[in-house]
């Protein structure tokens, strides 16, 4: 029973780890997109 419980926790941990990695990747991509948009807007104003 303990072994099964440990297995459940490990799979949950790995899923959370994968989710956090994918979230971080999306966040950095969003920041890059926003940065590019801001740069383009600044160039238009000049």
C-alpha atoms as a PDB file:
ATOM      1  CA  UNK A   1       0.000   0.000   0.000  1.00  0.00           C
ATOM      2  CA  UNK A   2       2.794   2.408   0.882  1.00  0.00           C
ATOM      3  CA  UNK A   3       4.522   1.689  -2.428  1.00  0.00           C
ATOM      4  CA  UNK A   4       1.342   2.505  -4.359  1.00  0.00           C
ATOM      5  CA  UNK A   5       0.958   5.740  -2.441  1.00  0.00           C
ATOM      6  CA  UNK A   6       4.551   6.718  -3.219  1.00  0.00           C
ATOM      7  CA  UNK A   7       3.960   5.991  -6.895  1.00  0.00           C
ATOM      8  CA  UNK A   8       0.914   8.286  -6.908  1.00  0.00           C
ATOM      9  CA  UNK A   9       2.855  11.118  -5.328  1.00  0.00           C
ATOM     10  CA  UNK A  10       5.739  10.742  -7.790  1.00  0.00           C
ATOM     11  CA  UNK A  11       3.424  10.884 -10.802  1.00  0.00           C
ATOM     12  CA  UNK A  12       1.655  13.951  -9.390  1.00  0.00           C
ATOM     13  CA  UNK A  13       5.025  15.616  -8.750  1.00  0.00           C
ATOM     14  CA  UNK A  14       6.247  14.882 -12.281  1.00  0.00           C
ATOM     15  CA  UNK A  15       3.011  16.239 -13.762  1.00  0.00           C
ATOM     16  CA  UNK A  16       3.286  19.429 -11.720  1.00  0.00           C
ATOM     17  CA  UNK A  17       6.937  19.743 -12.783  1.00  0.00           C
ATOM     18  CA  UNK A  18       6.019  19.381 -16.470  1.00  0.00           C
ATOM     19  CA  UNK A  19       3.140  21.853 -16.069  1.00  0.00           C
ATOM     20  CA  UNK A  20       5.383  24.413 -14.377  1.00  0.00           C
ATOM     21  CA  UNK A  21       7.993  24.057 -17.126  1.00  0.00           C
ATOM     22  CA  UNK A  22       5.401  24.523 -19.888  1.00  0.00           C
ATOM     23  CA  UNK A  23       3.900  27.500 -18.022  1.00  0.00           C
ATOM     24  CA  UNK A  24       7.326  29.115 -17.669  1.00  0.00           C
ATOM     25  CA  UNK A  25       7.999  28.605 -21.378  1.00  0.00           C
ATOM     26  CA  UNK A  26       4.658  30.180 -22.301  1.00  0.00           C
ATOM     27  CA  UNK A  27       5.340  33.091 -19.936  1.00  0.00           C
ATOM     28  CA  UNK A  28       8.748  33.815 -21.457  1.00  0.00           C
ATOM     29  CA  UNK A  29       7.290  33.610 -24.974  1.00  0.00           C
ATOM     30  CA  UNK A  30       4.556  36.057 -23.953  1.00  0.00           C
ATOM     31  CA  UNK A  31       7.142  38.444 -22.515  1.00  0.00           C
ATOM     32  CA  UNK A  32       9.159  38.265 -25.739  1.00  0.00           C
ATOM     33  CA  UNK A  33       6.036  38.932 -27.829  1.00  0.00           C
ATOM     34  CA  UNK A  34       5.091  41.909 -25.639  1.00  0.00           C
ATOM     35  CA  UNK A  35       8.650  43.228 -25.882  1.00  0.00           C
ATOM     36  CA  UNK A  36       8.582  42.944 -29.683  1.00  0.00           C
ATOM     37  CA  UNK A  37       5.193  44.663 -29.867  1.00  0.00           C
ATOM     38  CA  UNK A  38       6.428  47.498 -27.650  1.00  0.00           C
ATOM     39  CA  UNK A  39       9.534  47.922 -29.798  1.00  0.00           C
ATOM     40  CA  UNK A  40       7.453  48.026 -32.979  1.00  0.00           C
ATOM     41  CA  UNK A  41       5.102  50.584 -31.420  1.00  0.00           C
ATOM     42  CA  UNK A  42       8.038  52.719 -30.302  1.00  0.00           C
ATOM     43  CA  UNK A  43       9.527  52.598 -33.822  1.00  0.00           C
ATOM     44  CA  UNK A  44       6.199  53.694 -35.309  1.00  0.00           C
ATOM     45  CA  UNK A  45       6.045  56.675 -32.963  1.00  0.00           C
ATOM     46  CA  UNK A  46       9.567  57.780 -33.935  1.00  0.00           C
END
